[in-house]
Amino acid sequence: MTSRCILQTALLVSFSTTVLAVNYDLLQFQLSSSSVEYQELLLQLNGTSKDCLKDRMNFKIPEEIEKSQQFQKEDIILITLEMVRKTSDIFRRNLSSTGWNETIVEDLLATLHRQKEYLEEIMEEGNFTWDHRTLLHLKRYYLRIVQYLKAKEYSICAWIIVQAEILRSFFFLDKLTDYLLN
């Protein structure tokens, strides 16, 4: 009886590992596809940063994300979720001065929302722990972006600079999601 139980447990662990590996491949594909969609939508918004050079700002993306150090796969999911949440929060702010096409902004927000729900679903299925230092650095990064928008009174130039920064952050996110395949 005991050996049968051990065999069943071993098979379950073996099967679970295989399922998780497949999920990470699927997750990486899904995250990459969504990132491309975010970037395409952001690029469709009007404005160029050359008109706003005087408003440039270094928001200082967290070094651990910029350098794409090796994170655990679970950490990448949590980082991605936090970046999606914060980006969505930013684009829900006062956009009236931008003159941006509302349909594009709504599509961006819908894509971010779908991604957020997908990642939250994955988190519910697994056991995730978090490096609080990285989370704190990431929250401070997005807080700097929000403070910048407020200080610039949500001007069109401020939004164009933020648009460029969010595009930049998705570049680093793409590099991180590549680690899900390893």
C-alpha atoms as a PDB file:
ATOM      1  CA  MET A   1       0.000   0.000   0.000  1.00  0.00           C
ATOM      2  CA  THR A   2       2.797   2.410   0.924  1.00  0.00           C
ATOM      3  CA  SER A   3       4.793   1.711  -2.238  1.00  0.00           C
ATOM      4  CA  ARG A   4       1.674   2.340  -4.333  1.00  0.00           C
ATOM      5  CA  CYS A   5       1.202   5.701  -2.621  1.00  0.00           C
ATOM      6  CA  ILE A   6       4.852   6.601  -3.238  1.00  0.00           C
ATOM      7  CA  LEU A   7       4.533   5.629  -6.905  1.00  0.00           C
ATOM      8  CA  GLN A   8       1.403   7.770  -7.310  1.00  0.00           C
ATOM      9  CA  THR A   9       3.111  10.716  -5.618  1.00  0.00           C
ATOM     10  CA  ALA A  10       6.188  10.351  -7.821  1.00  0.00           C
ATOM     11  CA  LEU A  11       4.031  10.262 -10.949  1.00  0.00           C
ATOM     12  CA  LEU A  12       2.082  13.311  -9.782  1.00  0.00           C
ATOM     13  CA  VAL A  13       5.269  15.289  -9.115  1.00  0.00           C
ATOM     14  CA  SER A  14       6.697  14.237 -12.480  1.00  0.00           C
ATOM     15  CA  PHE A  15       3.492  15.195 -14.280  1.00  0.00           C
ATOM     16  CA  SER A  16       3.248  18.536 -12.431  1.00  0.00           C
ATOM     17  CA  THR A  17       6.777  19.475 -13.451  1.00  0.00           C
ATOM     18  CA  THR A  18       5.991  18.733 -17.095  1.00  0.00           C
ATOM     19  CA  VAL A  19       2.765  20.740 -16.945  1.00  0.00           C
ATOM     20  CA  LEU A  20       4.571  23.710 -15.383  1.00  0.00           C
ATOM     21  CA  ALA A  21       7.243  23.625 -18.089  1.00  0.00           C
ATOM     22  CA  VAL A  22       4.585  23.697 -20.789  1.00  0.00           C
ATOM     23  CA  ASN A  23       2.797  26.522 -18.985  1.00  0.00           C
ATOM     24  CA  TYR A  24       5.974  28.613 -18.873  1.00  0.00           C
ATOM     25  CA  ASP A  25       6.464  28.160 -22.616  1.00  0.00           C
ATOM     26  CA  LEU A  26       2.867  29.168 -23.224  1.00  0.00           C
ATOM     27  CA  LEU A  27       3.205  32.032 -20.751  1.00  0.00           C
ATOM     28  CA  GLN A  28       6.342  33.323 -22.473  1.00  0.00           C
ATOM     29  CA  PHE A  29       4.589  33.250 -25.831  1.00  0.00           C
ATOM     30  CA  GLN A  30       1.532  35.001 -24.430  1.00  0.00           C
ATOM     31  CA  LEU A  31       3.611  37.680 -22.647  1.00  0.00           C
ATOM     32  CA  SER A  32       5.668  38.336 -25.762  1.00  0.00           C
ATOM     33  CA  SER A  33       2.555  38.641 -27.908  1.00  0.00           C
ATOM     34  CA  SER A  34       0.939  41.037 -25.451  1.00  0.00           C
ATOM     35  CA  SER A  35       4.103  43.114 -25.231  1.00  0.00           C
ATOM     36  CA  VAL A  36       4.157  43.514 -29.005  1.00  0.00           C
ATOM     37  CA  GLU A  37       0.512  44.589 -28.873  1.00  0.00           C
ATOM     38  CA  TYR A  38       1.242  47.177 -26.112  1.00  0.00           C
ATOM     39  CA  GLN A  39       4.127  48.589 -28.083  1.00  0.00           C
ATOM     40  CA  GLU A  40       2.134  48.827 -31.308  1.00  0.00           C
ATOM     41  CA  LEU A  41      -0.697  50.635 -29.519  1.00  0.00           C
ATOM     42  CA  LEU A  42       1.682  53.024 -27.765  1.00  0.00           C
ATOM     43  CA  LEU A  43       3.392  53.846 -31.056  1.00  0.00           C
ATOM     44  CA  GLN A  44       0.019  54.689 -32.622  1.00  0.00           C
ATOM     45  CA  LEU A  45      -0.502  57.533 -30.156  1.00  0.00           C
ATOM     46  CA  ASN A  46       0.285  60.969 -31.621  1.00  0.00           C
ATOM     47  CA  GLY A  47       3.326  62.991 -30.675  1.00  0.00           C
ATOM     48  CA  THR A  48       7.048  62.861 -30.933  1.00  0.00           C
ATOM     49  CA  SER A  49       9.530  63.383 -28.160  1.00  0.00           C
ATOM     50  CA  LYS A  50      11.726  65.657 -30.290  1.00  0.00           C
ATOM     51  CA  ASP A  51       9.211  68.459 -29.638  1.00  0.00           C
ATOM     52  CA  CYS A  52       9.584  67.871 -25.906  1.00  0.00           C
ATOM     53  CA  LEU A  53      13.339  67.524 -25.395  1.00  0.00           C
ATOM     54  CA  LYS A  54      13.302  70.092 -22.610  1.00  0.00           C
ATOM     55  CA  ASP A  55      10.898  67.864 -20.652  1.00  0.00           C
ATOM     56  CA  ARG A  56      13.024  64.701 -20.757  1.00  0.00           C
ATOM     57  CA  MET A  57      13.536  62.863 -17.496  1.00  0.00           C
ATOM     58  CA  ASN A  58      15.423  59.802 -16.327  1.00  0.00           C
ATOM     59  CA  PHE A  59      12.873  57.832 -14.345  1.00  0.00           C
ATOM     60  CA  LYS A  60      15.541  55.307 -13.321  1.00  0.00           C
ATOM     61  CA  ILE A  61      14.046  51.916 -14.057  1.00  0.00           C
ATOM     62  CA  PRO A  62      15.202  49.529 -11.303  1.00  0.00           C
ATOM     63  CA  GLU A  63      18.719  48.324 -12.004  1.00  0.00           C
ATOM     64  CA  GLU A  64      17.880  44.677 -11.401  1.00  0.00           C
ATOM     65  CA  ILE A  65      15.270  44.864 -14.173  1.00  0.00           C
ATOM     66  CA  GLU A  66      17.406  46.954 -16.517  1.00  0.00           C
ATOM     67  CA  LYS A  67      20.333  44.561 -16.205  1.00  0.00           C
ATOM     68  CA  SER A  68      18.000  41.580 -16.649  1.00  0.00           C
ATOM     69  CA  GLN A  69      19.684  39.631 -13.914  1.00  0.00           C
ATOM     70  CA  GLN A  70      18.564  36.064 -13.552  1.00  0.00           C
ATOM     71  CA  PHE A  71      15.234  35.967 -11.775  1.00  0.00           C
ATOM     72  CA  GLN A  72      13.244  32.921 -10.843  1.00  0.00           C
ATOM     73  CA  LYS A  73      10.389  32.280 -13.250  1.00  0.00           C
ATOM     74  CA  GLU A  74       7.899  33.133 -10.517  1.00  0.00           C
ATOM     75  CA  ASP A  75       9.646  36.490  -9.969  1.00  0.00           C
ATOM     76  CA  ILE A  76       9.298  37.316 -13.659  1.00  0.00           C
ATOM     77  CA  ILE A  77       5.556  36.699 -13.453  1.00  0.00           C
ATOM     78  CA  LEU A  78       5.264  38.965 -10.416  1.00  0.00           C
ATOM     79  CA  ILE A  79       7.409  41.697 -11.997  1.00  0.00           C
ATOM     80  CA  THR A  80       5.336  41.528 -15.165  1.00  0.00           C
ATOM     81  CA  LEU A  81       2.097  41.719 -13.208  1.00  0.00           C
ATOM     82  CA  GLU A  82       3.302  44.758 -11.270  1.00  0.00           C
ATOM     83  CA  MET A  83       4.455  46.505 -14.450  1.00  0.00           C
ATOM     84  CA  VAL A  84       1.131  45.805 -16.165  1.00  0.00           C
ATOM     85  CA  ARG A  85      -0.837  47.056 -13.141  1.00  0.00           C
ATOM     86  CA  LYS A  86       1.172  50.254 -12.808  1.00  0.00           C
ATOM     87  CA  THR A  87       1.128  50.981 -16.545  1.00  0.00           C
ATOM     88  CA  SER A  88      -2.634  50.558 -16.550  1.00  0.00           C
ATOM     89  CA  ASP A  89      -2.946  52.906 -13.555  1.00  0.00           C
ATOM     90  CA  ILE A  90      -0.870  55.538 -15.340  1.00  0.00           C
ATOM     91  CA  PHE A  91      -2.924  55.425 -18.538  1.00  0.00           C
ATOM     92  CA  ARG A  92      -6.141  55.793 -16.551  1.00  0.00           C
ATOM     93  CA  ARG A  93      -5.049  59.270 -15.463  1.00  0.00           C
ATOM     94  CA  ASN A  94      -5.874  62.640 -16.936  1.00  0.00           C
ATOM     95  CA  LEU A  95      -5.370  62.128 -20.670  1.00  0.00           C
ATOM     96  CA  SER A  96      -7.522  65.062 -21.762  1.00  0.00           C
ATOM     97  CA  SER A  97      -4.566  67.246 -22.805  1.00  0.00           C
ATOM     98  CA  THR A  98      -3.037  64.607 -25.065  1.00  0.00           C
ATOM     99  CA  GLY A  99      -5.398  64.670 -28.016  1.00  0.00           C
ATOM    100  CA  TRP A 100      -4.767  60.935 -28.291  1.00  0.00           C
ATOM    101  CA  ASN A 101      -7.242  58.696 -30.038  1.00  0.00           C
ATOM    102  CA  GLU A 102      -9.482  57.396 -27.241  1.00  0.00           C
ATOM    103  CA  THR A 103     -10.073  54.107 -29.045  1.00  0.00           C
ATOM    104  CA  ILE A 104      -6.345  53.358 -29.053  1.00  0.00           C
ATOM    105  CA  VAL A 105      -6.069  54.218 -25.349  1.00  0.00           C
ATOM    106  CA  GLU A 106      -9.101  52.011 -24.596  1.00  0.00           C
ATOM    107  CA  ASP A 107      -7.551  49.157 -26.609  1.00  0.00           C
ATOM    108  CA  LEU A 108      -4.303  49.565 -24.666  1.00  0.00           C
ATOM    109  CA  LEU A 109      -6.167  49.506 -21.348  1.00  0.00           C
ATOM    110  CA  ALA A 110      -8.197  46.464 -22.425  1.00  0.00           C
ATOM    111  CA  THR A 111      -5.024  44.612 -23.430  1.00  0.00           C
ATOM    112  CA  LEU A 112      -3.374  45.497 -20.119  1.00  0.00           C
ATOM    113  CA  HIS A 113      -6.491  44.359 -18.248  1.00  0.00           C
ATOM    114  CA  ARG A 114      -6.574  40.991 -20.044  1.00  0.00           C
ATOM    115  CA  GLN A 115      -2.890  40.495 -19.286  1.00  0.00           C
ATOM    116  CA  LYS A 116      -3.401  41.418 -15.625  1.00  0.00           C
ATOM    117  CA  GLU A 117      -6.248  38.919 -15.259  1.00  0.00           C
ATOM    118  CA  TYR A 118      -4.216  36.197 -16.969  1.00  0.00           C
ATOM    119  CA  LEU A 119      -1.229  36.747 -14.682  1.00  0.00           C
ATOM    120  CA  GLU A 120      -3.407  36.878 -11.561  1.00  0.00           C
ATOM    121  CA  GLU A 121      -4.940  33.566 -12.594  1.00  0.00           C
ATOM    122  CA  ILE A 122      -1.478  32.020 -12.935  1.00  0.00           C
ATOM    123  CA  MET A 123      -0.485  33.366  -9.533  1.00  0.00           C
ATOM    124  CA  GLU A 124      -3.519  31.768  -7.917  1.00  0.00           C
ATOM    125  CA  GLU A 125      -2.406  28.383  -9.269  1.00  0.00           C
ATOM    126  CA  GLY A 126       1.138  28.592  -7.917  1.00  0.00           C
ATOM    127  CA  ASN A 127       3.073  29.355  -4.765  1.00  0.00           C
ATOM    128  CA  PHE A 128       4.756  32.714  -5.261  1.00  0.00           C
ATOM    129  CA  THR A 129       7.178  34.537  -3.026  1.00  0.00           C
ATOM    130  CA  TRP A 130       8.484  37.987  -3.751  1.00  0.00           C
ATOM    131  CA  ASP A 131      11.751  39.844  -3.323  1.00  0.00           C
ATOM    132  CA  HIS A 132      10.370  42.877  -1.520  1.00  0.00           C
ATOM    133  CA  ARG A 133      13.366  45.007  -2.502  1.00  0.00           C
ATOM    134  CA  THR A 134      12.650  44.604  -6.214  1.00  0.00           C
ATOM    135  CA  LEU A 135       8.955  45.328  -5.643  1.00  0.00           C
ATOM    136  CA  LEU A 136       9.833  48.477  -3.711  1.00  0.00           C
ATOM    137  CA  HIS A 137      12.207  49.664  -6.464  1.00  0.00           C
ATOM    138  CA  LEU A 138       9.547  48.999  -9.100  1.00  0.00           C
ATOM    139  CA  LYS A 139       6.872  50.890  -7.151  1.00  0.00           C
ATOM    140  CA  ARG A 140       9.221  53.854  -6.705  1.00  0.00           C
ATOM    141  CA  TYR A 141       9.921  53.860 -10.450  1.00  0.00           C
ATOM    142  CA  TYR A 142       6.240  54.142 -11.295  1.00  0.00           C
ATOM    143  CA  LEU A 143       5.711  56.680  -8.516  1.00  0.00           C
ATOM    144  CA  ARG A 144       8.373  58.886 -10.149  1.00  0.00           C
ATOM    145  CA  ILE A 145       6.446  58.682 -13.425  1.00  0.00           C
ATOM    146  CA  VAL A 146       3.174  59.672 -11.724  1.00  0.00           C
ATOM    147  CA  GLN A 147       4.864  62.518  -9.825  1.00  0.00           C
ATOM    148  CA  TYR A 148       6.404  63.753 -13.069  1.00  0.00           C
ATOM    149  CA  LEU A 149       2.995  63.826 -14.770  1.00  0.00           C
ATOM    150  CA  LYS A 150       1.509  65.745 -11.836  1.00  0.00           C
ATOM    151  CA  ALA A 151       4.424  68.209 -11.725  1.00  0.00           C
ATOM    152  CA  LYS A 152       4.046  68.844 -15.462  1.00  0.00           C
ATOM    153  CA  GLU A 153       0.267  69.148 -14.989  1.00  0.00           C
ATOM    154  CA  TYR A 154      -0.397  66.280 -17.403  1.00  0.00           C
ATOM    155  CA  SER A 155       0.844  68.332 -20.351  1.00  0.00           C
ATOM    156  CA  ILE A 156       1.091  66.806 -23.818  1.00  0.00           C
ATOM    157  CA  CYS A 157       4.886  66.856 -23.595  1.00  0.00           C
ATOM    158  CA  ALA A 158       4.811  65.089 -20.228  1.00  0.00           C
ATOM    159  CA  TRP A 159       2.579  62.396 -21.703  1.00  0.00           C
ATOM    160  CA  ILE A 160       4.838  61.976 -24.728  1.00  0.00           C
ATOM    161  CA  ILE A 161       7.855  61.537 -22.428  1.00  0.00           C
ATOM    162  CA  VAL A 162       5.893  59.015 -20.329  1.00  0.00           C
ATOM    163  CA  GLN A 163       4.774  57.192 -23.476  1.00  0.00           C
ATOM    164  CA  ALA A 164       8.427  56.837 -24.509  1.00  0.00           C
ATOM    165  CA  GLU A 165       9.388  55.655 -21.011  1.00  0.00           C
ATOM    166  CA  ILE A 166       6.647  53.018 -20.939  1.00  0.00           C
ATOM    167  CA  LEU A 167       7.826  51.772 -24.342  1.00  0.00           C
ATOM    168  CA  ARG A 168      11.333  51.557 -22.879  1.00  0.00           C
ATOM    169  CA  SER A 169      10.078  49.604 -19.861  1.00  0.00           C
ATOM    170  CA  PHE A 170       8.373  47.086 -22.165  1.00  0.00           C
ATOM    171  CA  PHE A 171      11.731  46.551 -23.878  1.00  0.00           C
ATOM    172  CA  PHE A 172      13.186  45.442 -20.531  1.00  0.00           C
ATOM    173  CA  LEU A 173      10.099  43.365 -19.848  1.00  0.00           C
ATOM    174  CA  ASP A 174      10.629  41.561 -23.168  1.00  0.00           C
ATOM    175  CA  LYS A 175      14.179  40.714 -22.114  1.00  0.00           C
ATOM    176  CA  LEU A 176      12.915  39.342 -18.797  1.00  0.00           C
ATOM    177  CA  THR A 177      10.229  37.157 -20.360  1.00  0.00           C
ATOM    178  CA  ASP A 178      12.859  35.515 -22.544  1.00  0.00           C
ATOM    179  CA  TYR A 179      14.115  33.847 -19.346  1.00  0.00           C
ATOM    180  CA  LEU A 180      10.829  31.930 -19.038  1.00  0.00           C
ATOM    181  CA  LEU A 181      12.020  29.606 -21.816  1.00  0.00           C
ATOM    182  CA  ASN A 182      15.163  28.561 -19.943  1.00  0.00           C
END
